[in-house]
Protein backbone atom coordinates (compact mmCIF):
# COMPACT_ATOMS: atom_id res chain seq x y z
CA MET A 1 187.46 167.99 87.48
CA PHE A 2 189.76 169.56 84.95
CA SER A 3 189.61 171.05 81.50
CA SER A 4 189.65 168.93 78.34
CA GLU A 5 192.30 171.39 77.16
CA SER A 6 194.86 169.91 79.58
CA LYS A 7 198.07 169.09 77.72
CA LEU A 8 200.67 166.39 78.12
CA ASN A 9 204.13 167.89 78.29
CA GLU A 10 207.38 166.12 77.45
CA SER A 11 208.21 165.59 81.12
CA ILE A 12 205.00 163.65 81.75
CA LEU A 13 205.47 161.49 78.66
CA ASN A 14 209.01 160.64 79.75
CA ARG A 15 207.80 159.70 83.23
CA LEU A 16 205.11 157.47 81.74
CA ASN A 17 207.77 155.68 79.70
CA GLU A 18 209.55 154.83 82.93
CA ILE A 19 206.59 152.81 84.28
CA GLU A 20 207.50 149.12 84.23
CA GLY A 21 205.34 147.18 81.76
CA LEU A 22 204.23 150.31 79.88
CA GLN A 23 205.34 151.48 76.45
CA ILE A 24 204.42 154.94 75.14
CA ASP A 25 203.86 155.28 71.38
CA ARG A 26 204.33 158.88 70.26
CA ASN A 27 202.47 158.20 66.97
CA PRO A 28 198.84 158.40 68.09
CA ASP A 29 197.23 158.49 64.64
CA PRO A 30 195.88 154.88 64.76
CA ALA A 31 193.84 155.80 67.86
CA SER A 32 192.51 159.13 66.57
CA THR A 33 189.45 157.59 64.92
CA ASP A 34 187.29 154.48 65.30
CA PHE A 35 185.43 151.99 63.13
CA GLY A 36 182.51 154.37 62.67
CA GLY A 37 184.81 156.64 60.67
CA MET A 38 182.78 159.75 61.55
CA ILE A 39 184.80 161.17 64.46
CA ARG A 40 188.43 162.21 64.41
CA GLY A 41 189.86 163.33 67.72
CA ARG A 42 193.11 164.68 69.07
CA VAL A 43 195.11 161.92 70.76
CA GLN A 44 198.53 162.77 72.16
CA ALA A 45 199.95 159.26 72.67
CA ILE A 46 199.10 155.57 72.89
CA ALA A 47 199.97 153.71 76.08
CA LYS A 48 200.60 149.99 75.69
CA PRO A 49 200.49 148.23 79.07
CA THR A 50 201.27 144.56 79.63
CA SER A 51 200.25 144.38 83.29
CA ILE A 52 197.51 145.56 85.61
CA ASP A 53 200.09 147.30 87.81
CA ALA A 54 201.22 149.36 84.82
CA ILE A 55 197.63 150.43 84.16
CA ALA A 56 197.12 151.41 87.80
CA ALA A 57 200.31 153.49 87.72
CA LEU A 58 199.21 155.17 84.48
CA VAL A 59 195.77 156.08 85.84
CA THR A 60 197.27 157.35 89.08
CA MET A 61 199.61 159.61 87.10
CA ALA A 62 196.69 160.86 84.98
CA ASN A 63 194.92 161.95 88.17
CA GLN A 64 198.06 163.77 89.30
CA GLY A 65 198.86 165.30 85.91
CA HIS A 66 195.29 166.13 84.89
CA PHE A 67 195.14 164.45 81.48
CA ALA A 68 192.47 162.30 79.88
CA LEU A 69 192.52 158.55 79.27
CA ILE A 70 190.23 156.05 77.58
CA PRO A 71 190.68 152.29 77.08
CA ARG A 72 190.75 150.87 73.57
CA ALA A 73 191.49 147.54 71.97
CA CYS A 74 190.31 147.40 68.34
CA GLY A 75 188.39 150.69 68.28
CA TRP A 76 185.13 149.21 67.05
CA SER A 77 182.95 152.01 68.41
CA GLN A 78 180.92 154.31 66.15
CA SER A 79 180.99 157.81 67.62
CA GLY A 80 184.24 158.29 69.48
CA GLN A 81 183.57 156.05 72.49
CA SER A 82 187.16 154.75 72.25
CA ILE A 83 188.86 158.09 71.46
CA PRO A 84 190.19 160.08 74.44
CA GLN A 85 189.55 163.79 74.77
CA ASP A 86 192.98 165.26 73.95
CA GLY A 87 194.79 162.66 76.03
CA ILE A 88 196.15 159.12 75.98
CA SER A 89 194.60 156.06 74.37
CA ILE A 90 195.25 152.90 76.41
CA ASP A 91 195.80 149.89 74.15
CA MET A 92 194.43 147.03 76.26
CA ARG A 93 195.51 144.23 73.89
CA GLY A 94 198.64 143.47 75.92
CA LEU A 95 196.56 142.02 78.78
CA LYS A 96 196.55 138.35 77.84
CA GLY A 97 196.24 134.97 79.53
CA ILE A 98 193.55 132.27 79.39
CA LYS A 99 192.88 129.68 82.11
CA ILE A 100 189.91 127.30 81.92
CA ASP A 101 188.25 125.99 85.09
CA GLY A 102 186.34 123.03 83.66
CA ASP A 103 184.98 121.96 87.04
CA ARG A 104 183.13 125.27 87.41
CA GLY A 105 182.53 126.00 83.71
CA ILE A 106 184.42 129.30 83.93
CA VAL A 107 187.31 130.79 82.01
CA HIS A 108 189.67 133.41 83.44
CA CYS A 109 191.18 135.68 80.81
CA GLY A 110 192.85 139.02 80.28
CA GLY A 111 190.76 141.91 79.05
CA GLY A 112 192.83 142.15 75.87
CA VAL A 113 192.16 138.57 74.79
CA SER A 114 190.08 138.30 71.61
CA TRP A 115 187.06 136.05 71.31
CA ARG A 116 188.92 134.15 68.59
CA GLU A 117 191.80 133.44 70.95
CA LEU A 118 189.39 132.43 73.71
CA ILE A 119 187.36 130.02 71.54
CA ALA A 120 190.56 128.46 70.19
CA GLU A 121 191.29 127.41 73.79
CA THR A 122 187.82 126.57 75.09
CA GLY A 123 186.32 124.94 71.97
CA PRO A 124 188.61 121.88 71.79
CA GLN A 125 187.82 121.22 75.47
CA GLY A 126 184.08 121.22 74.78
CA TRP A 127 183.24 124.73 75.99
CA MET A 128 182.10 127.98 74.40
CA PRO A 129 181.30 131.39 75.90
CA GLU A 130 177.59 131.68 76.67
CA VAL A 131 177.47 134.65 74.27
CA HIS A 132 180.07 135.90 71.81
CA PRO A 133 179.90 138.52 69.02
CA PHE A 134 179.90 137.75 65.30
CA ASN A 135 183.29 139.42 64.90
CA LEU A 136 185.67 137.19 66.83
CA ASP A 137 188.54 139.68 66.64
CA LEU A 138 186.90 142.03 69.15
CA SER A 139 188.54 142.06 72.56
CA ILE A 140 186.62 140.56 75.45
CA GLY A 141 187.11 143.57 77.70
CA GLY A 142 186.01 145.98 74.99
CA THR A 143 182.94 143.90 74.17
CA LEU A 144 181.88 143.72 77.80
CA SER A 145 182.28 147.48 78.21
CA ALA A 146 179.52 147.81 75.59
CA GLY A 147 177.43 144.72 76.36
CA GLY A 148 178.13 142.00 73.82
CA MET A 149 175.38 140.64 71.58
CA GLY A 150 175.30 137.37 69.67
CA SER A 151 173.11 134.62 68.28
CA THR A 152 172.67 132.94 71.70
CA GLY A 153 171.20 136.09 73.24
CA HIS A 154 167.69 134.60 73.16
CA ARG A 155 168.88 132.28 75.93
CA TYR A 156 171.65 134.09 77.79
CA GLY A 157 171.04 137.80 77.16
CA MET A 158 174.14 139.93 76.58
CA ALA A 159 177.67 138.66 77.15
CA LEU A 160 178.04 140.98 80.16
CA SER A 161 175.44 138.89 82.00
CA SER A 162 177.91 135.95 81.86
CA VAL A 163 180.60 137.70 83.92
CA GLU A 164 181.30 136.12 87.30
CA SER A 165 183.99 138.53 88.43
CA ALA A 166 186.60 140.96 87.14
CA ILE A 167 189.75 142.83 88.04
CA VAL A 168 189.24 146.52 87.37
CA VAL A 169 191.36 149.64 87.68
CA THR A 170 188.94 152.46 88.46
CA GLY A 171 189.24 156.04 87.27
CA SER A 172 190.86 156.92 90.58
CA GLY A 173 193.64 154.37 89.99
CA GLU A 174 192.37 151.82 92.51
CA ARG A 175 192.78 148.14 91.63
CA VAL A 176 189.60 146.28 92.57
CA GLU A 177 188.68 142.61 92.45
CA THR A 178 184.94 142.83 91.97
CA SER A 179 181.99 140.43 91.74
CA ALA A 180 178.30 140.35 92.61
CA LYS A 181 179.30 139.91 96.27
CA VAL A 182 182.56 141.86 96.51
CA ARG A 183 182.55 145.54 95.55
CA PRO A 184 179.52 145.02 93.25
CA GLU A 185 179.23 148.76 92.63
CA VAL A 186 182.39 148.53 90.50
CA LEU A 187 181.33 145.53 88.42
CA GLU A 188 177.87 146.90 87.64
CA ALA A 189 179.40 150.19 86.49
CA VAL A 190 182.16 148.94 84.18
CA LEU A 191 180.00 146.32 82.44
CA GLY A 192 178.26 148.34 79.74
CA GLY A 193 180.04 151.49 80.98
CA VAL A 194 181.99 152.14 77.73
CA GLY A 195 185.20 152.80 79.64
CA GLN A 196 183.86 155.71 81.68
CA PHE A 197 184.22 154.20 85.17
CA GLY A 198 187.26 151.96 85.00
CA LEU A 199 189.33 149.61 82.88
CA ILE A 200 188.36 145.94 82.65
CA CYS A 201 191.73 144.21 83.02
CA ALA A 202 190.77 140.58 83.70
CA ILE A 203 187.50 138.66 83.60
CA ALA A 204 186.02 135.40 84.86
CA LEU A 205 183.41 134.40 82.29
CA ARG A 206 180.84 131.61 82.38
CA LEU A 207 181.03 128.97 79.66
CA ARG A 208 178.46 126.59 78.22
CA PRO A 209 179.15 122.98 77.22
CA ILE A 210 178.84 122.29 73.50
CA LEU A 211 178.06 119.27 71.36
CA PRO A 212 180.36 118.55 68.40
CA ARG A 213 177.97 119.16 65.50
CA LEU A 214 175.43 121.82 64.62
CA ARG A 215 172.48 121.83 62.20
CA THR A 216 171.15 125.12 60.82
CA TRP A 217 167.83 125.70 59.08
CA PHE A 218 167.63 128.77 56.80
CA LEU A 219 164.07 130.09 56.60
CA LEU A 220 162.54 132.78 54.38
CA TYR A 221 159.67 135.03 55.53
CA ASP A 222 157.63 137.61 53.66
CA ASP A 223 155.88 138.87 56.81
CA LEU A 224 157.91 140.38 59.65
CA PRO A 225 155.33 139.93 62.45
CA LYS A 226 155.25 136.21 61.64
CA MET A 227 159.03 136.01 61.95
CA LEU A 228 158.99 137.94 65.22
CA ALA A 229 156.29 135.61 66.57
CA ASP A 230 158.42 132.62 65.59
CA GLU A 231 161.47 134.18 67.27
CA ARG A 232 159.46 134.34 70.50
CA ILE A 233 158.44 130.69 70.17
CA LEU A 234 161.99 129.59 69.41
CA SER A 235 163.48 131.65 72.25
CA LEU A 236 161.65 129.35 74.67
CA GLN A 237 162.85 126.09 73.09
CA PRO A 238 165.78 124.51 74.99
CA TRP A 239 167.05 122.80 71.82
CA CYS A 240 167.47 126.12 69.94
CA THR A 241 171.15 127.03 70.32
CA HIS A 242 171.54 129.93 67.86
CA LEU A 243 168.86 132.25 66.53
CA GLU A 244 169.40 135.23 64.23
CA GLY A 245 167.09 137.16 61.93
CA TYR A 246 167.83 139.76 59.29
CA THR A 247 166.29 141.80 56.49
CA SER A 248 166.63 141.23 52.74
CA ALA A 249 165.59 143.78 50.10
CA ALA A 250 164.40 142.62 46.67
CA PHE A 251 164.84 145.63 44.37
CA GLN A 252 161.70 146.37 42.33
CA GLY A 253 162.71 149.44 40.31
CA VAL A 254 162.01 153.15 40.80
CA LYS A 255 158.70 154.78 41.66
CA LEU A 256 157.27 158.25 42.09
CA ASN A 257 157.57 159.44 45.67
CA GLY A 258 154.18 160.89 46.60
CA ASP A 259 153.38 164.48 45.67
CA ARG A 260 157.00 165.48 45.18
CA GLN A 261 157.11 163.73 41.79
CA GLU A 262 160.65 162.53 42.38
CA ARG A 263 161.62 158.98 41.53
CA ILE A 264 163.16 156.77 44.19
CA PRO A 265 164.29 153.12 44.16
CA PHE A 266 162.08 150.77 46.14
CA ALA A 267 162.10 147.15 47.22
CA ARG A 268 159.94 144.34 48.50
CA TRP A 269 161.30 143.38 51.90
CA PHE A 270 161.82 139.79 52.91
CA TYR A 271 163.27 138.36 56.11
CA GLY A 272 165.63 135.52 56.87
CA LEU A 273 165.82 133.43 60.03
CA GLN A 274 168.66 131.07 60.86
CA ILE A 275 167.95 128.49 63.53
CA SER A 276 170.72 126.22 64.81
CA GLU A 277 170.74 123.18 67.06
CA GLU A 278 173.83 121.44 68.40
CA TYR A 279 173.83 117.63 68.35
CA THR A 280 175.92 114.50 68.72
CA PRO A 281 176.35 112.57 65.43
CA GLY A 282 173.51 110.11 65.06
CA SER A 283 171.04 112.17 67.08
CA GLU A 284 170.04 114.66 64.36
CA VAL A 285 166.45 115.89 64.38
CA GLU A 286 164.65 116.59 61.11
CA ALA A 287 162.98 119.83 60.06
CA SER A 288 159.56 118.21 60.16
CA THR A 289 159.94 117.97 63.94
CA ARG A 290 161.68 121.23 64.78
CA LEU A 291 159.90 123.59 62.37
CA LYS A 292 156.35 122.25 62.35
CA GLU A 293 154.84 125.08 64.45
CA LEU A 294 156.55 127.91 62.57
CA ASN A 295 154.95 130.22 59.99
CA TYR A 296 157.71 130.70 57.44
CA ARG A 297 157.28 131.01 53.69
CA GLU A 298 160.04 128.64 52.58
CA LEU A 299 162.81 126.42 53.93
CA LEU A 300 165.75 127.48 51.77
CA HIS A 301 168.60 125.37 53.06
CA VAL A 302 169.70 122.89 55.73
CA GLN A 303 173.34 122.81 56.75
CA ASP A 304 175.42 120.68 59.09
CA ASP A 305 178.63 122.09 60.51
CA GLU A 306 181.13 121.73 63.32
CA ALA A 307 179.97 123.66 66.36
CA ILE A 308 183.35 125.37 66.80
CA ALA A 309 183.68 126.31 63.10
CA HIS A 310 180.21 127.89 63.20
CA ALA A 311 181.55 130.62 65.50
CA SER A 312 183.69 132.09 62.70
CA ARG A 313 181.02 131.93 59.98
CA TYR A 314 181.18 135.69 59.31
CA ASP A 315 184.93 135.80 58.63
CA SER A 316 184.39 135.51 54.87
CA ARG A 317 181.96 138.43 54.89
CA PHE A 318 184.44 140.64 56.71
CA GLU A 319 187.20 139.67 54.29
CA MET A 320 184.92 140.52 51.36
CA MET A 321 184.21 143.96 52.88
CA LYS A 322 187.94 144.60 53.25
CA GLY A 323 188.63 143.45 49.70
CA MET A 324 185.98 145.81 48.32
CA GLY A 325 187.29 148.80 50.29
CA LEU A 326 184.16 148.93 52.48
CA TRP A 327 186.11 148.49 55.71
CA GLU A 328 187.57 151.98 55.47
CA GLN A 329 184.27 153.73 54.70
CA PRO A 330 182.04 155.28 57.41
CA HIS A 331 179.88 152.85 59.38
CA PRO A 332 176.96 154.75 60.91
CA TRP A 333 175.62 151.66 62.65
CA LEU A 334 172.45 152.15 64.65
CA GLU A 335 171.69 149.46 67.21
CA CYS A 336 168.69 149.55 69.50
CA LEU A 337 166.82 147.25 71.88
CA LEU A 338 163.04 147.47 71.54
CA PRO A 339 160.30 146.03 73.76
CA TYR A 340 158.91 142.99 71.95
CA GLU A 341 155.36 144.34 71.58
CA LYS A 342 156.65 147.67 70.23
CA ALA A 343 158.87 145.83 67.77
CA MET A 344 155.86 143.95 66.40
CA GLU A 345 154.10 147.27 65.85
CA LEU A 346 156.90 149.59 64.78
CA LEU A 347 159.55 147.61 62.88
CA PRO A 348 157.38 146.82 59.82
CA GLN A 349 156.74 150.57 59.46
CA ILE A 350 160.39 151.53 59.90
CA ILE A 351 161.73 148.93 57.50
CA SER A 352 159.22 149.97 54.84
CA GLN A 353 160.66 153.51 55.14
CA LEU A 354 164.33 152.52 54.93
CA PRO A 355 166.10 154.09 51.94
CA LEU A 356 167.90 151.46 49.89
CA SER A 357 171.06 153.54 50.21
CA LEU A 358 171.32 152.09 53.75
CA GLY A 359 171.58 148.60 52.27
CA ASP A 360 169.98 145.52 53.77
CA GLY A 361 171.05 142.62 55.97
CA HIS A 362 169.97 144.57 59.05
CA ARG A 363 169.64 142.42 62.17
CA ILE A 364 166.39 141.56 63.96
CA MET A 365 167.23 139.28 66.87
CA PRO A 366 165.59 138.33 70.18
CA LEU A 367 167.30 139.13 73.48
CA THR A 368 166.01 137.55 76.66
CA ASN A 369 165.84 139.66 79.80
CA VAL A 370 168.20 137.93 82.22
CA PRO A 371 169.74 139.69 85.25
CA HIS A 372 172.11 142.37 83.95
CA PRO A 373 174.23 145.19 85.39
CA ARG A 374 172.41 148.22 86.70
CA PHE A 375 173.58 150.69 84.05
CA SER A 376 173.18 148.37 81.08
CA MET A 377 169.85 149.79 80.05
CA GLN A 378 167.41 147.31 78.51
CA PRO A 379 163.66 147.51 77.89
CA ASP A 380 161.23 146.06 80.40
CA GLY A 381 159.60 142.72 79.65
CA ASP A 382 160.83 139.16 79.28
CA LEU A 383 162.02 139.57 75.68
CA ALA A 384 163.46 142.45 73.67
CA ILE A 385 164.21 142.67 69.96
CA VAL A 386 167.62 143.88 68.84
CA PHE A 387 167.26 145.99 65.70
CA ALA A 388 170.60 146.85 64.13
CA ILE A 389 171.02 148.87 60.94
CA LEU A 390 174.53 147.92 59.81
CA SER A 391 175.29 150.20 56.88
CA THR A 392 178.51 151.02 55.08
CA ILE A 393 178.19 154.46 53.50
CA HIS A 394 180.35 156.27 50.98
CA PRO A 395 181.53 159.59 52.50
CA THR A 396 179.64 161.61 49.88
CA ALA A 397 176.34 160.04 50.99
CA LEU A 398 176.98 160.20 54.74
CA ASN A 399 174.95 163.33 55.51
CA SER A 400 171.88 161.96 53.75
CA ALA A 401 172.24 158.62 55.55
CA LEU A 402 172.56 160.31 58.95
CA LYS A 403 169.42 162.33 58.29
CA SER A 404 167.46 159.12 57.64
CA LEU A 405 168.98 157.44 60.69
CA GLN A 406 168.16 160.40 62.91
CA ASN A 407 164.49 159.99 62.08
CA ILE A 408 164.63 156.26 62.78
CA HIS A 409 166.53 156.85 66.03
CA GLN A 410 163.80 159.20 67.23
CA GLN A 411 161.03 156.73 66.45
CA LEU A 412 162.84 153.94 68.30
CA ILE A 413 163.49 156.06 71.39
CA GLU A 414 159.90 157.32 71.52
CA ALA A 415 158.74 153.69 71.43
CA GLY A 416 160.75 152.88 74.56
CA GLY A 417 163.87 151.62 72.82
CA LYS A 418 167.29 151.66 74.47
CA ARG A 419 170.29 152.40 72.30
CA TYR A 420 173.30 150.07 72.42
CA LEU A 421 176.11 152.40 73.43
CA SER A 422 178.95 151.15 71.22
CA GLY A 423 176.76 152.01 68.22
CA TRP A 424 175.44 155.34 69.51
CA LEU A 425 174.96 157.94 66.79
CA PHE A 426 174.35 161.67 67.15
CA GLU A 427 175.81 163.94 69.81
CA PRO A 428 174.02 163.34 73.11
CA ASN A 429 173.22 166.00 75.70
CA GLU A 430 172.00 165.86 79.28
CA ALA A 431 168.39 165.37 78.20
CA THR A 432 169.48 162.44 76.01
CA TRP A 433 171.25 160.72 78.87
CA ARG A 434 168.38 161.39 81.25
CA GLN A 435 166.07 159.67 78.79
CA HIS A 436 168.45 156.75 78.26
CA TYR A 437 169.14 156.04 81.94
CA GLY A 438 165.70 157.00 83.23
CA ILE A 439 165.38 156.53 86.97
CA GLU A 440 169.04 155.43 87.13
CA TYR A 441 170.37 158.74 85.77
CA GLU A 442 171.30 160.30 89.12
CA ALA A 443 172.86 157.05 90.34
CA TRP A 444 174.83 156.80 87.07
CA GLN A 445 176.26 160.28 87.61
CA SER A 446 176.96 159.59 91.27
CA ARG A 447 178.80 156.38 90.41
CA LYS A 448 180.96 158.29 87.91
CA ARG A 449 181.91 160.80 90.63
CA SER A 450 182.70 157.96 93.02
CA LEU A 451 184.86 155.81 90.74
CA ASP A 452 186.40 158.56 88.60
CA PRO A 453 186.34 161.64 90.86
CA ASN A 454 188.70 163.71 88.68
CA GLY A 455 187.07 162.72 85.41
CA VAL A 456 190.21 161.29 83.81
CA LEU A 457 188.22 158.74 81.79
CA ARG A 458 186.48 160.70 79.07
CA SER A 459 185.86 160.12 75.40
CA TYR A 460 184.30 161.98 72.52
CA LEU A 461 180.95 160.32 73.26
CA LEU A 462 180.99 161.18 76.95
CA PRO A 463 183.23 164.21 77.56
């Protein structure tokens, strides 16, 4: 191991520039922070590889020269997961290429390919990834290094459970073709490993066949346990393609806050559930059939759409955020996976405590427990609930928001929740990681020593 104070001298930077297929950008400012907007690190350069060989050469030189690396595509992490510790940021977006194997229902793609680029190729041929995120501009490799959650998670789990194989450059500089049968110790470490074990350079990903049209029912609930119960019912229905729930706050004014005699805004919380089914024109099924066993308050809307177009439904929201200047503000997102029974008990209490300054629209989505990589920590049981507080906070209100989120974080962890690592908040320590990885903690550390023996892959989340 070596000190995080190791420096890159001019000689090393010049040698890196001589690697074929690698460009060194001496203006590292774009990689010095991430989407969370709460961490700013010291980055000395950005490496832009266009081949796996270039990445292997870069990592090998990092081991020889004792400087830090971390992979990054769009930098969508919250707490410095994609910012290297005083070293080089590796821009993975140059690793492209998409090849569809329709006979096997698999797509081979570069780690720098975005989900938008992938769906543009697979969709017209009648295929979609089993799971994809709401933001289609995320890179596939970056998503898989965190996990990858989407509205089909009630059927397929996280996106990382759809990986058949990958080409990885480990922290030691070794190029490995890995799968469940070949060098599985590499695949199970890099999937969900937030770039700490190796760089995901190419992926073989399972696809699902799609039907051309999609019908969505928009339901309103005034009782969260009822919505959670319906999410469990729907997660078992083979016709249910997409399933996503969220919170909605109806502002009711200001009230006195207990004995402190201070006035605070408060709201009546409601909940929305969107249920989608793909179909072939002429085979539509009516709400009276699909929704008859559910306990919702009101059916607000029914919408028919193209199945491919549905994937980009959140583009307009992201554009609105950018237009309002919210994109540049801090995003202290808190994402956690809760055991289903604990979610039924705890989430109504937590949501009732949420300050309105954190906004609403927070996600409450089911995630089925399918086989997943060893170090992708998920709660026990057949079904978990993803609870994601997705706030945009003005910098002047950030400290207050983090104080509220710290309290919520603690309640979720004590209830057996497992934090989603790309949205980790608060500086972790050894006790934190021991709690997160549980019985896998020693194996997690051992795997790090095995695949990255000199500790060249280190970020501000995991130094």
